[in-house]
N, C-alpha and C. Protein backbone atom coordinates (compact mmCIF):
# COMPACT_ATOMS: atom_id res chain seq x y z
N MET A 1 0.87 -1.11 -0.14
CA MET A 1 0.29 0.06 0.10
C MET A 1 0.78 1.16 0.06
N TYR A 2 1.60 1.00 0.82
CA TYR A 2 2.77 2.45 0.78
C TYR A 2 3.25 2.57 -0.77
N LEU A 3 3.51 1.24 -1.28
CA LEU A 3 4.09 1.82 -2.63
C LEU A 3 3.41 2.22 -3.67
N TYR A 4 1.46 1.96 -3.37
CA TYR A 4 0.66 2.52 -4.79
C TYR A 4 0.60 3.90 -4.00
N GLY A 5 1.04 4.40 -2.73
CA GLY A 5 0.70 5.82 -2.42
C GLY A 5 -0.70 6.24 -1.59
N GLN A 6 -1.26 4.83 -1.59
CA GLN A 6 -2.17 5.18 -0.09
C GLN A 6 -1.83 5.08 0.97
N ILE A 7 -0.62 4.89 1.41
CA ILE A 7 -0.65 5.56 2.63
C ILE A 7 1.06 6.28 2.46
N LYS A 8 1.17 7.47 2.66
CA LYS A 8 1.84 8.66 2.59
C LYS A 8 2.99 8.63 3.26
N ASN A 9 2.83 8.16 4.43
CA ASN A 9 4.10 8.23 5.42
C ASN A 9 4.22 7.06 5.94
N ARG A 10 5.54 6.73 5.98
CA ARG A 10 5.79 5.22 6.10
C ARG A 10 5.76 5.14 7.78
N GLY A 11 5.74 6.46 8.53
CA GLY A 11 5.78 6.16 9.99
C GLY A 11 4.64 5.67 9.98
N ILE A 12 3.35 5.95 9.79
CA ILE A 12 1.79 5.73 10.01
C ILE A 12 2.09 3.89 9.41
N LEU A 13 2.28 3.73 8.43
CA LEU A 13 2.52 2.09 7.96
C LEU A 13 3.10 1.37 9.43
N ASN A 14 4.22 2.03 9.61
CA ASN A 14 5.04 1.32 10.88
C ASN A 14 3.96 1.22 12.18
N SER A 15 3.20 2.54 12.48
CA SER A 15 2.96 2.37 13.90
C SER A 15 1.49 1.31 13.72
N ILE A 16 0.96 1.04 12.60
CA ILE A 16 -0.20 -0.14 12.41
C ILE A 16 0.37 -1.10 12.64
N LYS A 17 1.22 -1.38 11.73
CA LYS A 17 1.61 -2.60 12.17
C LYS A 17 2.32 -3.11 13.23
N THR A 18 2.59 -2.16 14.08
CA THR A 18 3.31 -2.30 15.42
C THR A 18 2.07 -2.77 16.41
N LYS A 19 1.02 -1.71 15.70
CA LYS A 19 -0.12 -2.12 17.14
C LYS A 19 -0.83 -3.62 16.41
N ILE A 20 -0.83 -4.12 15.20
CA ILE A 20 -1.27 -5.36 14.68
C ILE A 20 -0.58 -6.29 15.35
N GLU A 21 0.84 -6.37 15.58
CA GLU A 21 1.94 -7.20 16.21
C GLU A 21 1.72 -7.20 17.56
N GLY A 22 1.52 -5.85 18.39
CA GLY A 22 1.37 -6.03 19.72
C GLY A 22 -0.01 -6.64 19.81
N ALA A 23 -1.00 -6.67 19.14
CA ALA A 23 -2.35 -7.56 19.30
C ALA A 23 -2.22 -9.26 19.30
N GLN A 24 -1.40 -9.56 18.53
CA GLN A 24 -0.92 -11.09 18.48
C GLN A 24 -0.19 -11.07 19.56
N GLN A 25 1.02 -10.62 20.25
CA GLN A 25 1.67 -11.18 20.81
C GLN A 25 0.98 -11.08 22.12
N ILE A 26 -0.12 -10.17 22.66
CA ILE A 26 -1.07 -9.78 23.56
C ILE A 26 -1.78 -11.65 23.55
N LEU A 27 -2.36 -11.71 22.58
CA LEU A 27 -2.99 -12.79 22.55
C LEU A 27 -2.09 -14.12 22.68
N GLU A 28 -0.97 -14.41 21.92
CA GLU A 28 0.10 -15.43 22.24
C GLU A 28 0.14 -15.81 23.75
N LYS A 29 0.56 -14.60 24.58
CA LYS A 29 0.82 -14.62 25.89
C LYS A 29 0.01 -14.74 26.88
N GLN A 30 -1.54 -14.18 26.63
CA GLN A 30 -2.56 -14.04 27.60
C GLN A 30 -3.71 -15.09 27.19
N LYS A 31 -3.91 -15.80 25.85
CA LYS A 31 -4.80 -16.34 25.54
C LYS A 31 -6.03 -15.41 25.62
N GLU A 32 -6.84 -16.53 26.13
CA GLU A 32 -8.56 -15.90 26.49
C GLU A 32 -8.96 -14.54 27.04
N LYS A 33 -7.58 -14.37 28.12
CA LYS A 33 -7.77 -13.23 29.00
C LYS A 33 -7.06 -12.07 27.91
N GLY A 34 -6.57 -12.23 26.99
CA GLY A 34 -5.94 -10.90 26.07
C GLY A 34 -6.97 -10.52 25.01
N LYS A 35 -8.01 -11.44 24.82
CA LYS A 35 -8.59 -10.95 23.90
C LYS A 35 -9.34 -9.48 24.13
N THR A 36 -9.84 -8.78 24.98
CA THR A 36 -9.93 -7.56 25.18
C THR A 36 -8.93 -6.82 24.96
N PRO A 37 -7.57 -7.10 25.52
CA PRO A 37 -6.27 -5.97 24.87
C PRO A 37 -6.50 -5.84 23.75
N ALA A 38 -6.49 -6.73 23.37
CA ALA A 38 -6.22 -7.01 21.60
C ALA A 38 -7.10 -6.28 20.96
N ILE A 39 -8.24 -6.48 21.16
CA ILE A 39 -9.00 -5.84 20.28
C ILE A 39 -8.93 -4.31 20.57
N ASN A 40 -8.87 -3.84 21.75
CA ASN A 40 -8.33 -2.23 22.24
C ASN A 40 -7.37 -2.20 21.48
N LYS A 41 -5.90 -2.70 21.29
CA LYS A 41 -5.08 -2.56 20.62
C LYS A 41 -5.48 -2.46 18.91
N LEU A 42 -5.95 -3.14 18.79
CA LEU A 42 -6.37 -3.20 17.23
C LEU A 42 -7.53 -1.77 17.07
N SER A 43 -8.28 -1.55 17.85
CA SER A 43 -9.05 -0.50 17.87
C SER A 43 -8.34 0.63 17.52
N ALA A 44 -7.30 0.69 18.58
CA ALA A 44 -6.23 2.01 18.44
C ALA A 44 -5.69 1.96 16.92
N ALA A 45 -5.54 1.38 16.38
CA ALA A 45 -4.89 1.09 14.90
C ALA A 45 -5.87 1.87 14.08
N ALA A 46 -7.27 1.16 14.37
CA ALA A 46 -8.55 1.57 13.41
C ALA A 46 -8.71 2.84 13.73
N HIS A 47 -8.59 3.78 14.95
CA HIS A 47 -8.78 5.39 15.09
C HIS A 47 -7.60 6.45 14.34
N GLU A 48 -6.64 5.45 14.55
CA GLU A 48 -5.26 6.00 13.96
C GLU A 48 -5.59 6.68 12.57
N ILE A 49 -5.92 5.17 11.51
CA ILE A 49 -5.85 5.43 10.43
C ILE A 49 -7.30 6.21 10.06
N GLN A 50 -8.46 6.33 10.73
CA GLN A 50 -9.54 7.05 10.61
C GLN A 50 -8.78 8.69 10.40
N GLY A 51 -7.94 8.79 11.69
CA GLY A 51 -7.63 10.42 11.87
C GLY A 51 -6.30 10.86 10.84
N GLN A 52 -6.35 9.95 9.94
CA GLN A 52 -5.00 10.42 8.64
C GLN A 52 -5.73 10.09 7.46
N THR A 53 -6.82 9.84 7.40
CA THR A 53 -7.77 9.78 6.14
C THR A 53 -8.03 11.18 5.48
N GLY A 54 -7.23 11.04 4.20
CA GLY A 54 -7.20 12.51 3.67
C GLY A 54 -5.95 13.63 3.94
N LYS A 55 -5.14 12.98 4.57
CA LYS A 55 -3.86 13.22 5.11
C LYS A 55 -2.56 12.34 4.70
N GLN A 56 -2.23 11.56 5.47
CA GLN A 56 -1.44 10.91 5.21
C GLN A 56 -2.07 9.37 4.48
N LEU A 57 -3.12 9.27 4.53
CA LEU A 57 -3.92 7.98 4.11
C LEU A 57 -4.97 8.25 2.95
N ASP A 58 -5.33 7.74 1.70
CA ASP A 58 -6.36 7.85 0.89
C ASP A 58 -7.47 7.06 1.32
N GLU A 59 -8.69 7.64 0.76
CA GLU A 59 -10.26 6.66 0.81
C GLU A 59 -9.85 5.03 0.74
N ASP A 60 -8.98 4.72 -0.30
CA ASP A 60 -9.13 3.41 -0.52
C ASP A 60 -8.00 2.77 0.49
N GLY A 61 -7.07 3.18 0.62
CA GLY A 61 -6.29 2.87 1.70
C GLY A 61 -7.20 2.94 3.26
N LEU A 62 -7.88 3.11 3.47
CA LEU A 62 -8.65 3.65 4.65
C LEU A 62 -9.77 1.95 4.29
N LYS A 63 -10.15 1.99 3.48
CA LYS A 63 -11.12 0.95 3.34
C LYS A 63 -10.33 -0.51 3.23
N ILE A 64 -9.51 -0.56 3.04
CA ILE A 64 -8.40 -1.91 2.86
C ILE A 64 -7.65 -2.14 4.37
N ILE A 65 -7.39 -1.36 4.71
CA ILE A 65 -6.70 -1.48 6.15
C ILE A 65 -7.96 -1.64 7.20
N GLN A 66 -8.97 -0.88 6.90
CA GLN A 66 -10.07 -1.15 8.03
C GLN A 66 -10.95 -2.43 7.96
N GLY A 67 -10.77 -2.67 6.65
CA GLY A 67 -11.51 -4.13 6.68
C GLY A 67 -10.29 -5.29 7.13
N PHE A 68 -8.93 -5.16 7.18
CA PHE A 68 -8.27 -5.98 7.28
C PHE A 68 -8.23 -5.86 9.12
N ILE A 69 -8.95 -5.00 9.74
CA ILE A 69 -8.43 -4.83 11.03
C ILE A 69 -9.93 -5.17 11.69
N ASN A 70 -11.04 -5.10 10.77
CA ASN A 70 -12.13 -5.33 11.38
C ASN A 70 -12.53 -7.05 11.42
N SER A 71 -11.78 -7.69 10.21
CA SER A 71 -11.78 -9.21 10.17
C SER A 71 -10.78 -9.59 11.22
N LEU A 72 -9.56 -9.25 11.84
CA LEU A 72 -9.13 -9.61 12.84
C LEU A 72 -9.71 -9.59 13.95
N ILE A 73 -10.40 -8.41 14.26
CA ILE A 73 -11.26 -8.35 15.73
C ILE A 73 -12.02 -9.65 15.50
N ALA A 74 -12.96 -9.73 14.55
CA ALA A 74 -13.94 -10.65 14.03
C ALA A 74 -13.28 -12.03 14.98
N GLN A 75 -12.28 -12.16 13.88
CA GLN A 75 -11.73 -13.70 14.20
C GLN A 75 -10.95 -13.58 15.85
N ILE A 76 -10.82 -12.60 16.56
CA ILE A 76 -10.50 -12.59 17.63
C ILE A 76 -11.49 -12.70 18.48
N LYS A 77 -12.72 -12.21 18.43
CA LYS A 77 -13.96 -12.33 18.99
C LYS A 77 -14.29 -13.85 18.87
N ASP A 78 -14.38 -14.44 18.18
CA ASP A 78 -14.76 -16.12 17.73
C ASP A 78 -13.57 -17.39 18.07
N LYS A 79 -12.67 -16.85 18.59
CA LYS A 79 -11.70 -17.61 18.51
C LYS A 79 -11.93 -18.38 20.43
N THR A 80 -11.81 -19.33 20.25
CA THR A 80 -11.88 -20.04 21.56
C THR A 80 -9.88 -20.61 21.94
N PHE A 81 -9.76 -20.74 23.16
CA PHE A 81 -8.67 -20.99 23.72
C PHE A 81 -8.50 -22.29 23.99
């Protein structure tokens, strides 16, 4: 996405990636107890990209990343440990 110009700032991309990886680490360590903190971390990423839409992120990029984050959240909610 960075290569296609949908994300104009690599720092935004790195921040989103870090939040997603952080959510994964929480789940790996805390299992069931980590569901809510992991979802909160992903929600923070979703809020961050919404705030960057039209600035450092175009509408298509927002839709793609938001869809990905929403999918991850749904998977976490459905997951049993």
